[in-house]
């Protein structure tokens, strides 16, 4: 059944839509704060702990990308250049989205 007053998880009522928007902003800010504090606290314990956390995060991210068939970047460069560009593009975009919340 379709409800014209409801689109996805965002209601069409302006007040309810504003509540959902504010909740999403706070959730995103909280996740960004948790990630930064985790890396900062691990760095205070020892630099190796922070580096291991970051390496595992990137490793898991790239593993998921490869397993879903979404690893290759759209530029058909061929050969090793395509692999290097795909890795660099995925890593740079992950850093940007993880630490600035720009999607």
N, C-alpha and C. Protein backbone atom coordinates (compact mmCIF):
# COMPACT_ATOMS: atom_id res chain seq x y z
N UNK A 1 0.84 -1.18 0.00
CA UNK A 1 0.00 0.00 0.00
C UNK A 1 0.89 1.24 0.00
N UNK A 2 0.54 2.19 -0.84
CA UNK A 2 1.33 3.41 -0.92
C UNK A 2 0.68 4.52 -0.10
N UNK A 3 1.52 5.27 0.58
CA UNK A 3 1.06 6.39 1.38
C UNK A 3 1.69 7.66 0.83
N UNK A 4 0.88 8.56 0.25
CA UNK A 4 1.46 9.76 -0.36
C UNK A 4 2.09 10.72 0.65
N UNK A 5 1.77 10.59 1.93
CA UNK A 5 2.32 11.49 2.95
C UNK A 5 3.67 11.00 3.49
N UNK A 6 4.15 9.90 2.96
CA UNK A 6 5.36 9.30 3.52
C UNK A 6 6.28 8.88 2.38
N UNK A 7 7.52 9.38 2.39
CA UNK A 7 8.49 9.02 1.37
C UNK A 7 9.72 8.46 2.05
N UNK A 8 9.95 7.16 1.93
CA UNK A 8 11.09 6.54 2.59
C UNK A 8 10.92 6.61 4.10
N UNK A 9 11.95 7.08 4.77
CA UNK A 9 11.89 7.24 6.22
C UNK A 9 11.67 8.69 6.63
N UNK A 10 11.51 9.57 5.66
CA UNK A 10 11.32 10.98 5.95
C UNK A 10 9.86 11.35 5.71
N UNK A 11 9.14 11.71 6.77
CA UNK A 11 7.73 12.06 6.60
C UNK A 11 7.57 13.38 5.84
N UNK A 12 6.43 13.59 5.24
CA UNK A 12 6.20 14.82 4.48
C UNK A 12 5.79 15.99 5.37
N UNK A 13 5.38 15.73 6.60
CA UNK A 13 5.04 16.79 7.53
C UNK A 13 6.32 17.58 7.86
N UNK A 14 6.31 18.92 7.67
CA UNK A 14 7.53 19.71 7.88
C UNK A 14 8.14 19.56 9.28
N UNK A 15 7.32 19.52 10.30
CA UNK A 15 7.85 19.40 11.67
C UNK A 15 8.52 18.04 11.86
N UNK A 16 7.87 16.98 11.42
CA UNK A 16 8.45 15.64 11.56
C UNK A 16 9.69 15.49 10.68
N UNK A 17 9.67 16.09 9.50
CA UNK A 17 10.83 16.05 8.61
C UNK A 17 12.02 16.76 9.27
N UNK A 18 11.76 17.88 9.93
CA UNK A 18 12.82 18.61 10.64
C UNK A 18 13.40 17.78 11.78
N UNK A 19 12.54 17.05 12.49
CA UNK A 19 13.01 16.19 13.58
C UNK A 19 13.92 15.10 13.03
N UNK A 20 13.53 14.50 11.91
CA UNK A 20 14.35 13.46 11.29
C UNK A 20 15.69 14.05 10.83
N UNK A 21 15.65 15.24 10.23
CA UNK A 21 16.87 15.88 9.76
C UNK A 21 17.83 16.17 10.92
N UNK A 22 17.31 16.75 12.00
CA UNK A 22 18.16 17.07 13.16
C UNK A 22 18.73 15.79 13.76
N UNK A 23 17.91 14.75 13.85
CA UNK A 23 18.39 13.47 14.39
C UNK A 23 19.51 12.90 13.52
N UNK A 24 19.37 12.99 12.20
CA UNK A 24 20.40 12.48 11.31
C UNK A 24 21.69 13.30 11.43
N UNK A 25 21.59 14.61 11.61
CA UNK A 25 22.78 15.45 11.78
C UNK A 25 23.50 15.07 13.07
N UNK A 26 22.75 14.92 14.17
CA UNK A 26 23.38 14.54 15.43
C UNK A 26 23.98 13.13 15.37
N UNK A 27 23.30 12.23 14.69
CA UNK A 27 23.84 10.88 14.54
C UNK A 27 25.15 10.90 13.75
N UNK A 28 25.18 11.65 12.65
CA UNK A 28 26.41 11.76 11.85
C UNK A 28 27.54 12.42 12.62
N UNK A 29 27.22 13.49 13.37
CA UNK A 29 28.25 14.16 14.17
C UNK A 29 28.76 13.23 15.27
N UNK A 30 27.87 12.45 15.86
CA UNK A 30 28.28 11.50 16.89
C UNK A 30 29.20 10.43 16.34
N UNK A 31 28.87 9.91 15.17
CA UNK A 31 29.73 8.89 14.56
C UNK A 31 31.10 9.45 14.21
N UNK A 32 31.13 10.69 13.71
CA UNK A 32 32.41 11.33 13.40
C UNK A 32 33.24 11.52 14.67
N UNK A 33 32.58 11.95 15.76
CA UNK A 33 33.27 12.15 17.03
C UNK A 33 33.80 10.82 17.59
N UNK A 34 32.99 9.76 17.48
CA UNK A 34 33.43 8.45 17.97
C UNK A 34 34.67 7.97 17.22
N UNK A 35 34.66 8.13 15.90
CA UNK A 35 35.81 7.68 15.10
C UNK A 35 37.07 8.47 15.46
N UNK A 36 36.95 9.78 15.56
CA UNK A 36 38.12 10.60 15.88
C UNK A 36 38.62 10.33 17.29
N UNK A 37 37.71 10.20 18.26
CA UNK A 37 38.13 9.92 19.62
C UNK A 37 38.77 8.54 19.75
N UNK A 38 38.26 7.57 19.00
CA UNK A 38 38.85 6.23 19.03
C UNK A 38 40.30 6.27 18.58
N UNK A 39 40.54 6.94 17.46
CA UNK A 39 41.90 7.03 16.95
C UNK A 39 42.79 7.84 17.89
N UNK A 40 42.25 8.92 18.47
CA UNK A 40 43.05 9.73 19.40
C UNK A 40 43.40 8.93 20.66
N UNK A 41 42.43 8.21 21.22
CA UNK A 41 42.70 7.43 22.43
C UNK A 41 43.67 6.28 22.16
N UNK A 42 43.50 5.62 21.02
CA UNK A 42 44.44 4.56 20.67
C UNK A 42 45.84 5.13 20.44
N UNK A 43 45.91 6.34 19.88
CA UNK A 43 47.20 6.99 19.69
C UNK A 43 47.86 7.35 21.00
N UNK A 44 47.05 7.68 22.01
CA UNK A 44 47.61 7.98 23.33
C UNK A 44 48.13 6.72 24.01
N UNK A 45 47.49 5.59 23.77
CA UNK A 45 47.95 4.32 24.33
C UNK A 45 49.27 3.92 23.66
N UNK A 46 49.30 4.06 22.36
CA UNK A 46 50.50 3.72 21.60
C UNK A 46 50.21 3.92 20.12
N UNK A 47 51.16 4.44 19.41
CA UNK A 47 50.98 4.72 17.99
C UNK A 47 50.65 3.45 17.21
N UNK A 48 51.24 2.33 17.60
CA UNK A 48 50.99 1.08 16.89
C UNK A 48 49.52 0.67 16.96
N UNK A 49 48.88 0.91 18.12
CA UNK A 49 47.45 0.56 18.25
C UNK A 49 46.60 1.37 17.26
N UNK A 50 46.89 2.66 17.15
CA UNK A 50 46.14 3.50 16.22
C UNK A 50 46.38 3.08 14.78
N UNK A 51 47.63 2.76 14.45
CA UNK A 51 47.94 2.34 13.08
C UNK A 51 47.29 1.00 12.74
N UNK A 52 47.26 0.09 13.71
CA UNK A 52 46.59 -1.20 13.49
C UNK A 52 45.10 -1.00 13.27
N UNK A 53 44.48 -0.13 14.06
CA UNK A 53 43.05 0.16 13.91
C UNK A 53 42.75 0.73 12.52
N UNK A 54 43.57 1.70 12.09
CA UNK A 54 43.36 2.32 10.78
C UNK A 54 43.60 1.30 9.67
N UNK A 55 44.64 0.48 9.80
CA UNK A 55 44.93 -0.54 8.78
C UNK A 55 43.81 -1.57 8.69
N UNK A 56 43.30 -2.00 9.84
CA UNK A 56 42.18 -2.96 9.82
C UNK A 56 40.93 -2.35 9.22
N UNK A 57 40.69 -1.08 9.52
CA UNK A 57 39.53 -0.39 8.96
C UNK A 57 39.62 -0.31 7.44
N UNK A 58 40.79 0.10 6.93
CA UNK A 58 40.97 0.16 5.48
C UNK A 58 40.95 -1.23 4.85
N UNK A 59 41.56 -2.19 5.52
CA UNK A 59 41.57 -3.56 4.99
C UNK A 59 40.18 -4.14 4.88
N UNK A 60 39.37 -3.92 5.92
CA UNK A 60 37.98 -4.41 5.89
C UNK A 60 37.18 -3.69 4.81
N UNK A 61 37.38 -2.38 4.70
CA UNK A 61 36.69 -1.60 3.67
C UNK A 61 37.02 -2.10 2.26
N UNK A 62 38.31 -2.29 1.99
CA UNK A 62 38.71 -2.75 0.66
C UNK A 62 38.26 -4.19 0.40
N UNK A 63 38.24 -5.04 1.44
CA UNK A 63 37.76 -6.41 1.30
C UNK A 63 36.28 -6.42 0.93
N UNK A 64 35.50 -5.59 1.59
CA UNK A 64 34.07 -5.50 1.27
C UNK A 64 33.87 -4.99 -0.15
N UNK A 65 34.65 -3.98 -0.55
CA UNK A 65 34.54 -3.45 -1.91
C UNK A 65 34.84 -4.54 -2.95
N UNK A 66 35.90 -5.32 -2.71
CA UNK A 66 36.27 -6.37 -3.66
C UNK A 66 35.21 -7.47 -3.67
N UNK A 67 34.73 -7.88 -2.50
CA UNK A 67 33.75 -8.97 -2.43
C UNK A 67 32.41 -8.58 -3.06
N UNK A 68 32.08 -7.31 -3.05
CA UNK A 68 30.82 -6.85 -3.66
C UNK A 68 30.98 -6.53 -5.15
N UNK A 69 32.21 -6.61 -5.66
CA UNK A 69 32.45 -6.32 -7.06
C UNK A 69 32.42 -4.82 -7.35
N UNK A 70 32.71 -4.00 -6.34
CA UNK A 70 32.63 -2.55 -6.48
C UNK A 70 34.00 -1.89 -6.31
N UNK A 71 35.06 -2.65 -6.51
CA UNK A 71 36.41 -2.12 -6.26
C UNK A 71 36.94 -1.28 -7.40
N UNK A 72 36.75 -1.74 -8.63
CA UNK A 72 37.37 -1.07 -9.78
C UNK A 72 36.76 0.30 -10.00
N UNK A 73 37.62 1.28 -10.16
CA UNK A 73 37.19 2.64 -10.44
C UNK A 73 36.76 2.71 -11.90
N UNK A 74 36.00 3.70 -12.27
CA UNK A 74 35.38 3.75 -13.59
C UNK A 74 36.33 4.06 -14.73
N UNK A 75 37.55 4.53 -14.46
CA UNK A 75 38.47 4.90 -15.53
C UNK A 75 39.13 3.66 -16.13
N UNK A 76 38.90 3.37 -17.41
CA UNK A 76 39.52 2.20 -18.06
C UNK A 76 40.96 2.49 -18.49
N UNK A 77 41.89 2.48 -17.54
CA UNK A 77 43.29 2.81 -17.85
C UNK A 77 44.09 1.59 -18.27
N UNK A 78 43.66 0.40 -17.81
CA UNK A 78 44.35 -0.83 -18.16
C UNK A 78 45.60 -1.09 -17.33
N UNK A 79 45.90 -2.36 -17.16
CA UNK A 79 47.13 -2.78 -16.49
C UNK A 79 47.21 -2.39 -15.03
N UNK A 80 48.46 -2.19 -14.59
CA UNK A 80 48.72 -1.84 -13.19
C UNK A 80 48.21 -0.46 -12.83
N UNK A 81 48.13 0.43 -13.80
CA UNK A 81 47.65 1.79 -13.54
C UNK A 81 46.21 1.76 -13.03
N UNK A 82 45.41 0.88 -13.59
CA UNK A 82 44.01 0.76 -13.16
C UNK A 82 43.92 0.30 -11.71
N UNK A 83 44.78 -0.62 -11.32
CA UNK A 83 44.78 -1.12 -9.94
C UNK A 83 45.22 -0.02 -8.98
N UNK A 84 46.29 0.68 -9.32
CA UNK A 84 46.81 1.75 -8.46
C UNK A 84 45.81 2.88 -8.31
N UNK A 85 45.20 3.30 -9.43
CA UNK A 85 44.21 4.38 -9.38
C UNK A 85 42.99 3.95 -8.57
N UNK A 86 42.57 2.71 -8.71
CA UNK A 86 41.42 2.22 -7.94
C UNK A 86 41.71 2.23 -6.44
N UNK A 87 42.89 1.77 -6.05
CA UNK A 87 43.26 1.76 -4.62
C UNK A 87 43.35 3.20 -4.10
N UNK A 88 44.04 4.06 -4.82
CA UNK A 88 44.18 5.45 -4.38
C UNK A 88 42.84 6.16 -4.28
N UNK A 89 41.98 5.95 -5.27
CA UNK A 89 40.67 6.60 -5.27
C UNK A 89 39.84 6.13 -4.09
N UNK A 90 39.82 4.83 -3.82
CA UNK A 90 39.03 4.29 -2.70
C UNK A 90 39.57 4.78 -1.36
N UNK A 91 40.89 4.79 -1.20
CA UNK A 91 41.49 5.21 0.07
C UNK A 91 41.27 6.70 0.31
N UNK A 92 41.51 7.53 -0.70
CA UNK A 92 41.34 8.98 -0.54
C UNK A 92 39.89 9.32 -0.24
N UNK A 93 38.95 8.74 -0.96
CA UNK A 93 37.55 9.02 -0.69
C UNK A 93 37.11 8.53 0.67
N UNK A 94 37.65 7.40 1.13
CA UNK A 94 37.30 6.91 2.47
C UNK A 94 37.82 7.87 3.53
N UNK A 95 39.02 8.38 3.36
CA UNK A 95 39.56 9.34 4.33
C UNK A 95 38.70 10.60 4.36
N UNK A 96 38.33 11.10 3.20
CA UNK A 96 37.51 12.32 3.14
C UNK A 96 36.15 12.09 3.80
N UNK A 97 35.49 11.01 3.47
CA UNK A 97 34.16 10.78 4.04
C UNK A 97 34.21 10.42 5.51
N UNK A 98 35.25 9.72 5.96
CA UNK A 98 35.33 9.34 7.37
C UNK A 98 35.60 10.52 8.29
N UNK A 99 36.40 11.47 7.85
CA UNK A 99 36.83 12.52 8.76
C UNK A 99 36.23 13.88 8.48
N UNK A 100 35.42 14.01 7.45
CA UNK A 100 34.74 15.29 7.19
C UNK A 100 33.24 15.12 7.05
N UNK A 101 32.77 13.91 6.93
CA UNK A 101 31.35 13.60 6.72
C UNK A 101 30.81 14.18 5.42
N UNK A 102 31.70 14.46 4.47
CA UNK A 102 31.27 14.88 3.14
C UNK A 102 31.05 13.61 2.33
N UNK A 103 29.85 13.46 1.81
CA UNK A 103 29.53 12.26 1.04
C UNK A 103 29.41 12.61 -0.41
